[in-house]
Amino acid sequence: LLAPGLWLMIAVLCQGRIVWWTESA
């Protein structure tokens, strides 16, 4: 549970500024 949860959060933090937070569902 914990490892995939952290992986998803890391993915969001690394990609959010590039694909933009409100533009990618």
PDB file of all heavy atoms in Angstrom:
ATOM      1  N   LEU A   1       0.814  -1.206   0.000  1.00  0.00           N
ATOM      2  CA  LEU A   1       0.000   0.000   0.000  1.00  0.00           C
ATOM      3  C   LEU A   1       0.853   1.264   0.000  1.00  0.00           C
ATOM      4  O   LEU A   1       0.596   2.210  -0.754  1.00  0.00           O
ATOM      5  CB  LEU A   1      -0.923   0.014   1.223  1.00  0.00           C
ATOM      6  CG  LEU A   1      -2.100  -0.962   1.213  1.00  0.00           C
ATOM      7  CD1 LEU A   1      -2.743  -1.011   2.596  1.00  0.00           C
ATOM      8  CD2 LEU A   1      -3.128  -0.540   0.173  1.00  0.00           C
ATOM      9  N   LEU A   2       1.868   1.279   0.842  1.00  0.00           N
ATOM     10  CA  LEU A   2       2.641   2.502   1.039  1.00  0.00           C
ATOM     11  C   LEU A   2       3.516   2.824  -0.163  1.00  0.00           C
ATOM     12  O   LEU A   2       3.587   3.988  -0.599  1.00  0.00           O
ATOM     13  CB  LEU A   2       3.488   2.376   2.305  1.00  0.00           C
ATOM     14  CG  LEU A   2       4.170   3.653   2.790  1.00  0.00           C
ATOM     15  CD1 LEU A   2       3.140   4.733   3.093  1.00  0.00           C
ATOM     16  CD2 LEU A   2       4.996   3.365   4.037  1.00  0.00           C
ATOM     17  N   ALA A   3       4.214   1.825  -0.708  1.00  0.00           N
ATOM     18  CA  ALA A   3       5.121   2.091  -1.821  1.00  0.00           C
ATOM     19  C   ALA A   3       4.387   2.651  -3.049  1.00  0.00           C
ATOM     20  O   ALA A   3       4.766   3.710  -3.567  1.00  0.00           O
ATOM     21  CB  ALA A   3       5.908   0.830  -2.175  1.00  0.00           C
ATOM     22  N   PRO A   4       3.326   2.004  -3.558  1.00  0.00           N
ATOM     23  CA  PRO A   4       2.617   2.609  -4.709  1.00  0.00           C
ATOM     24  C   PRO A   4       2.025   3.979  -4.387  1.00  0.00           C
ATOM     25  O   PRO A   4       1.976   4.849  -5.262  1.00  0.00           O
ATOM     26  CB  PRO A   4       1.520   1.590  -5.020  1.00  0.00           C
ATOM     27  CG  PRO A   4       1.995   0.305  -4.441  1.00  0.00           C
ATOM     28  CD  PRO A   4       2.770   0.681  -3.213  1.00  0.00           C
ATOM     29  N   GLY A   5       1.575   4.167  -3.137  1.00  0.00           N
ATOM     30  CA  GLY A   5       1.052   5.475  -2.767  1.00  0.00           C
ATOM     31  C   GLY A   5       2.098   6.562  -2.869  1.00  0.00           C
ATOM     32  O   GLY A   5       1.839   7.662  -3.399  1.00  0.00           O
ATOM     33  N   LEU A   6       3.300   6.271  -2.382  1.00  0.00           N
ATOM     34  CA  LEU A   6       4.387   7.239  -2.489  1.00  0.00           C
ATOM     35  C   LEU A   6       4.815   7.438  -3.934  1.00  0.00           C
ATOM     36  O   LEU A   6       5.147   8.555  -4.352  1.00  0.00           O
ATOM     37  CB  LEU A   6       5.575   6.781  -1.642  1.00  0.00           C
ATOM     38  CG  LEU A   6       5.378   6.831  -0.120  1.00  0.00           C
ATOM     39  CD1 LEU A   6       6.552   6.172   0.596  1.00  0.00           C
ATOM     40  CD2 LEU A   6       5.216   8.267   0.357  1.00  0.00           C
ATOM     41  N   TRP A   7       4.809   6.358  -4.712  1.00  0.00           N
ATOM     42  CA  TRP A   7       5.185   6.486  -6.126  1.00  0.00           C
ATOM     43  C   TRP A   7       4.238   7.425  -6.868  1.00  0.00           C
ATOM     44  O   TRP A   7       4.681   8.251  -7.671  1.00  0.00           O
ATOM     45  CB  TRP A   7       5.182   5.104  -6.797  1.00  0.00           C
ATOM     46  CG  TRP A   7       6.209   4.167  -6.245  1.00  0.00           C
ATOM     47  CD1 TRP A   7       7.281   4.492  -5.460  1.00  0.00           C
ATOM     48  CD2 TRP A   7       6.258   2.757  -6.422  1.00  0.00           C
ATOM     49  NE1 TRP A   7       7.998   3.360  -5.124  1.00  0.00           N
ATOM     50  CE2 TRP A   7       7.397   2.284  -5.703  1.00  0.00           C
ATOM     51  CE3 TRP A   7       5.461   1.837  -7.098  1.00  0.00           C
ATOM     52  CZ2 TRP A   7       7.729   0.937  -5.665  1.00  0.00           C
ATOM     53  CZ3 TRP A   7       5.808   0.482  -7.062  1.00  0.00           C
ATOM     54  CH2 TRP A   7       6.931   0.042  -6.365  1.00  0.00           C
ATOM     55  N   LEU A   8       2.958   7.276  -6.612  1.00  0.00           N
ATOM     56  CA  LEU A   8       1.986   8.153  -7.279  1.00  0.00           C
ATOM     57  C   LEU A   8       2.184   9.612  -6.864  1.00  0.00           C
ATOM     58  O   LEU A   8       2.097  10.522  -7.705  1.00  0.00           O
ATOM     59  CB  LEU A   8       0.562   7.705  -6.944  1.00  0.00           C
ATOM     60  CG  LEU A   8       0.094   6.396  -7.588  1.00  0.00           C
ATOM     61  CD1 LEU A   8      -1.246   5.972  -7.021  1.00  0.00           C
ATOM     62  CD2 LEU A   8       0.010   6.538  -9.106  1.00  0.00           C
ATOM     63  N   MET A   9       2.469   9.846  -5.583  1.00  0.00           N
ATOM     64  CA  MET A   9       2.681  11.215  -5.123  1.00  0.00           C
ATOM     65  C   MET A   9       3.936  11.814  -5.750  1.00  0.00           C
ATOM     66  O   MET A   9       3.951  12.993  -6.153  1.00  0.00           O
ATOM     67  CB  MET A   9       2.771  11.253  -3.599  1.00  0.00           C
ATOM     68  CG  MET A   9       2.855  12.654  -3.034  1.00  0.00           C
ATOM     69  SD  MET A   9       2.663  12.715  -1.249  1.00  0.00           S
ATOM     70  CE  MET A   9       0.922  12.288  -1.092  1.00  0.00           C
ATOM     71  N   ILE A  10       4.990  11.020  -5.861  1.00  0.00           N
ATOM     72  CA  ILE A  10       6.218  11.492  -6.495  1.00  0.00           C
ATOM     73  C   ILE A  10       5.961  11.832  -7.960  1.00  0.00           C
ATOM     74  O   ILE A  10       6.445  12.847  -8.478  1.00  0.00           O
ATOM     75  CB  ILE A  10       7.330  10.431  -6.359  1.00  0.00           C
ATOM     76  CG1 ILE A  10       7.764  10.306  -4.897  1.00  0.00           C
ATOM     77  CG2 ILE A  10       8.532  10.781  -7.237  1.00  0.00           C
ATOM     78  CD1 ILE A  10       8.654   9.120  -4.625  1.00  0.00           C
ATOM     79  N   ALA A  11       5.188  10.984  -8.642  1.00  0.00           N
ATOM     80  CA  ALA A  11       4.869  11.240 -10.044  1.00  0.00           C
ATOM     81  C   ALA A  11       4.129  12.565 -10.196  1.00  0.00           C
ATOM     82  O   ALA A  11       4.412  13.355 -11.113  1.00  0.00           O
ATOM     83  CB  ALA A  11       4.031  10.094 -10.611  1.00  0.00           C
ATOM     84  N   VAL A  12       3.195  12.838  -9.309  1.00  0.00           N
ATOM     85  CA  VAL A  12       2.437  14.092  -9.368  1.00  0.00           C
ATOM     86  C   VAL A  12       3.361  15.284  -9.158  1.00  0.00           C
ATOM     87  O   VAL A  12       3.289  16.293  -9.877  1.00  0.00           O
ATOM     88  CB  VAL A  12       1.307  14.082  -8.321  1.00  0.00           C
ATOM     89  CG1 VAL A  12       0.664  15.463  -8.206  1.00  0.00           C
ATOM     90  CG2 VAL A  12       0.251  13.042  -8.688  1.00  0.00           C
ATOM     91  N   LEU A  13       4.252  15.190  -8.179  1.00  0.00           N
ATOM     92  CA  LEU A  13       5.141  16.310  -7.884  1.00  0.00           C
ATOM     93  C   LEU A  13       6.130  16.566  -9.019  1.00  0.00           C
ATOM     94  O   LEU A  13       6.490  17.714  -9.293  1.00  0.00           O
ATOM     95  CB  LEU A  13       5.906  16.027  -6.577  1.00  0.00           C
ATOM     96  CG  LEU A  13       5.063  16.035  -5.297  1.00  0.00           C
ATOM     97  CD1 LEU A  13       5.898  15.589  -4.106  1.00  0.00           C
ATOM     98  CD2 LEU A  13       4.482  17.412  -5.039  1.00  0.00           C
ATOM     99  N   CYS A  14       6.590  15.504  -9.676  1.00  0.00           N
ATOM    100  CA  CYS A  14       7.561  15.678 -10.761  1.00  0.00           C
ATOM    101  C   CYS A  14       6.912  16.154 -12.053  1.00  0.00           C
ATOM    102  O   CYS A  14       7.541  16.854 -12.852  1.00  0.00           O
ATOM    103  CB  CYS A  14       8.297  14.360 -11.020  1.00  0.00           C
ATOM    104  SG  CYS A  14       9.460  13.879  -9.722  1.00  0.00           S
ATOM    105  N   GLN A  15       5.647  15.774 -12.282  1.00  0.00           N
ATOM    106  CA  GLN A  15       4.996  16.082 -13.555  1.00  0.00           C
ATOM    107  C   GLN A  15       4.072  17.296 -13.497  1.00  0.00           C
ATOM    108  O   GLN A  15       3.758  17.873 -14.540  1.00  0.00           O
ATOM    109  CB  GLN A  15       4.179  14.861 -14.015  1.00  0.00           C
ATOM    110  CG  GLN A  15       5.012  13.658 -14.398  1.00  0.00           C
ATOM    111  CD  GLN A  15       5.771  13.860 -15.698  1.00  0.00           C
ATOM    112  OE1 GLN A  15       5.367  14.637 -16.559  1.00  0.00           O
ATOM    113  NE2 GLN A  15       6.891  13.173 -15.837  1.00  0.00           N
ATOM    114  N   GLY A  16       3.617  17.662 -12.291  1.00  0.00           N
ATOM    115  CA  GLY A  16       2.600  18.695 -12.188  1.00  0.00           C
ATOM    116  C   GLY A  16       2.970  20.000 -12.839  1.00  0.00           C
ATOM    117  O   GLY A  16       2.161  20.603 -13.574  1.00  0.00           O
ATOM    118  N   ARG A  17       4.186  20.476 -12.609  1.00  0.00           N
ATOM    119  CA  ARG A  17       4.581  21.773 -13.163  1.00  0.00           C
ATOM    120  C   ARG A  17       4.764  21.708 -14.679  1.00  0.00           C
ATOM    121  O   ARG A  17       4.649  22.728 -15.364  1.00  0.00           O
ATOM    122  CB  ARG A  17       5.885  22.224 -12.499  1.00  0.00           C
ATOM    123  CG  ARG A  17       6.412  23.560 -12.978  1.00  0.00           C
ATOM    124  CD  ARG A  17       7.555  24.024 -12.098  1.00  0.00           C
ATOM    125  NE  ARG A  17       8.660  23.087 -12.114  1.00  0.00           N
ATOM    126  CZ  ARG A  17       9.719  23.186 -12.937  1.00  0.00           C
ATOM    127  NH1 ARG A  17       9.774  24.157 -13.828  1.00  0.00           N
ATOM    128  NH2 ARG A  17      10.703  22.320 -12.865  1.00  0.00           N
ATOM    129  N   ILE A  18       5.043  20.521 -15.212  1.00  0.00           N
ATOM    130  CA  ILE A  18       5.325  20.399 -16.642  1.00  0.00           C
ATOM    131  C   ILE A  18       4.039  20.258 -17.445  1.00  0.00           C
ATOM    132  O   ILE A  18       3.811  20.994 -18.415  1.00  0.00           O
ATOM    133  CB  ILE A  18       6.258  19.184 -16.880  1.00  0.00           C
ATOM    134  CG1 ILE A  18       7.590  19.410 -16.166  1.00  0.00           C
ATOM    135  CG2 ILE A  18       6.484  18.972 -18.381  1.00  0.00           C
ATOM    136  CD1 ILE A  18       8.499  18.205 -16.172  1.00  0.00           C
ATOM    137  N   VAL A  19       3.182  19.303 -17.061  1.00  0.00           N
ATOM    138  CA  VAL A  19       1.918  19.118 -17.789  1.00  0.00           C
ATOM    139  C   VAL A  19       0.826  20.030 -17.247  1.00  0.00           C
ATOM    140  O   VAL A  19      -0.261  20.083 -17.806  1.00  0.00           O
ATOM    141  CB  VAL A  19       1.471  17.640 -17.718  1.00  0.00           C
ATOM    142  CG1 VAL A  19       2.532  16.735 -18.317  1.00  0.00           C
ATOM    143  CG2 VAL A  19       1.189  17.207 -16.278  1.00  0.00           C
ATOM    144  N   TRP A  20       1.094  20.712 -16.204  1.00  0.00           N
ATOM    145  CA  TRP A  20       0.309  21.694 -15.460  1.00  0.00           C
ATOM    146  C   TRP A  20      -0.806  21.016 -14.666  1.00  0.00           C
ATOM    147  O   TRP A  20      -1.466  20.091 -15.097  1.00  0.00           O
ATOM    148  CB  TRP A  20      -0.243  22.802 -16.330  1.00  0.00           C
ATOM    149  CG  TRP A  20      -0.554  24.008 -15.504  1.00  0.00           C
ATOM    150  CD1 TRP A  20      -1.778  24.564 -15.275  1.00  0.00           C
ATOM    151  CD2 TRP A  20       0.381  24.785 -14.748  1.00  0.00           C
ATOM    152  NE1 TRP A  20      -1.657  25.645 -14.437  1.00  0.00           N
ATOM    153  CE2 TRP A  20      -0.339  25.804 -14.097  1.00  0.00           C
ATOM    154  CE3 TRP A  20       1.761  24.715 -14.559  1.00  0.00           C
ATOM    155  CZ2 TRP A  20       0.260  26.739 -13.266  1.00  0.00           C
ATOM    156  CZ3 TRP A  20       2.374  25.652 -13.739  1.00  0.00           C
ATOM    157  CH2 TRP A  20       1.624  26.645 -13.104  1.00  0.00           C
ATOM    158  N   TRP A  21      -0.952  21.540 -13.454  1.00  0.00           N
ATOM    159  CA  TRP A  21      -1.785  20.912 -12.440  1.00  0.00           C
ATOM    160  C   TRP A  21      -3.259  20.790 -12.841  1.00  0.00           C
ATOM    161  O   TRP A  21      -3.898  19.779 -12.544  1.00  0.00           O
ATOM    162  CB  TRP A  21      -1.686  21.720 -11.144  1.00  0.00           C
ATOM    163  CG  TRP A  21      -0.282  21.966 -10.720  1.00  0.00           C
ATOM    164  CD1 TRP A  21       0.476  23.074 -10.971  1.00  0.00           C
ATOM    165  CD2 TRP A  21       0.566  21.070 -10.005  1.00  0.00           C
ATOM    166  NE1 TRP A  21       1.735  22.928 -10.438  1.00  0.00           N
ATOM    167  CE2 TRP A  21       1.821  21.716  -9.832  1.00  0.00           C
ATOM    168  CE3 TRP A  21       0.397  19.793  -9.468  1.00  0.00           C
ATOM    169  CZ2 TRP A  21       2.882  21.124  -9.165  1.00  0.00           C
ATOM    170  CZ3 TRP A  21       1.456  19.201  -8.800  1.00  0.00           C
ATOM    171  CH2 TRP A  21       2.683  19.861  -8.657  1.00  0.00           C
ATOM    172  N   THR A  22      -3.785  21.790 -13.471  1.00  0.00           N
ATOM    173  CA  THR A  22      -5.228  21.792 -13.775  1.00  0.00           C
ATOM    174  C   THR A  22      -5.534  21.340 -15.196  1.00  0.00           C
ATOM    175  O   THR A  22      -6.698  21.323 -15.593  1.00  0.00           O
ATOM    176  CB  THR A  22      -5.801  23.201 -13.567  1.00  0.00           C
ATOM    177  OG1 THR A  22      -5.087  24.132 -14.400  1.00  0.00           O
ATOM    178  CG2 THR A  22      -5.665  23.631 -12.118  1.00  0.00           C
ATOM    179  N   GLU A  23      -4.510  20.977 -15.961  1.00  0.00           N
ATOM    180  CA  GLU A  23      -4.723  20.611 -17.359  1.00  0.00           C
ATOM    181  C   GLU A  23      -4.735  19.103 -17.589  1.00  0.00           C
ATOM    182  O   GLU A  23      -5.139  18.649 -18.657  1.00  0.00           O
ATOM    183  CB  GLU A  23      -3.630  21.246 -18.233  1.00  0.00           C
ATOM    184  CG  GLU A  23      -3.635  22.761 -18.235  1.00  0.00           C
ATOM    185  CD  GLU A  23      -4.916  23.320 -18.834  1.00  0.00           C
ATOM    186  OE1 GLU A  23      -5.424  22.742 -19.806  1.00  0.00           O
ATOM    187  OE2 GLU A  23      -5.413  24.340 -18.304  1.00  0.00           O
ATOM    188  N   SER A  24      -4.263  18.318 -16.627  1.00  0.00           N
ATOM    189  CA  SER A  24      -4.184  16.865 -16.797  1.00  0.00           C
ATOM    190  C   SER A  24      -4.986  16.197 -15.686  1.00  0.00           C
ATOM    191  O   SER A  24      -4.612  16.268 -14.503  1.00  0.00           O
ATOM    192  CB  SER A  24      -2.725  16.387 -16.751  1.00  0.00           C
ATOM    193  OG  SER A  24      -1.982  16.969 -17.809  1.00  0.00           O
ATOM    194  N   ALA A  25      -6.069  15.537 -16.060  1.00  0.00           N
ATOM    195  CA  ALA A  25      -6.952  14.923 -15.066  1.00  0.00           C
ATOM    196  C   ALA A  25      -6.266  13.812 -14.283  1.00  0.00           C
ATOM    197  O   ALA A  25      -6.572  13.588 -13.101  1.00  0.00           O
ATOM    198  CB  ALA A  25      -8.212  14.379 -15.757  1.00  0.00           C
TER     199      ALA A  25
END
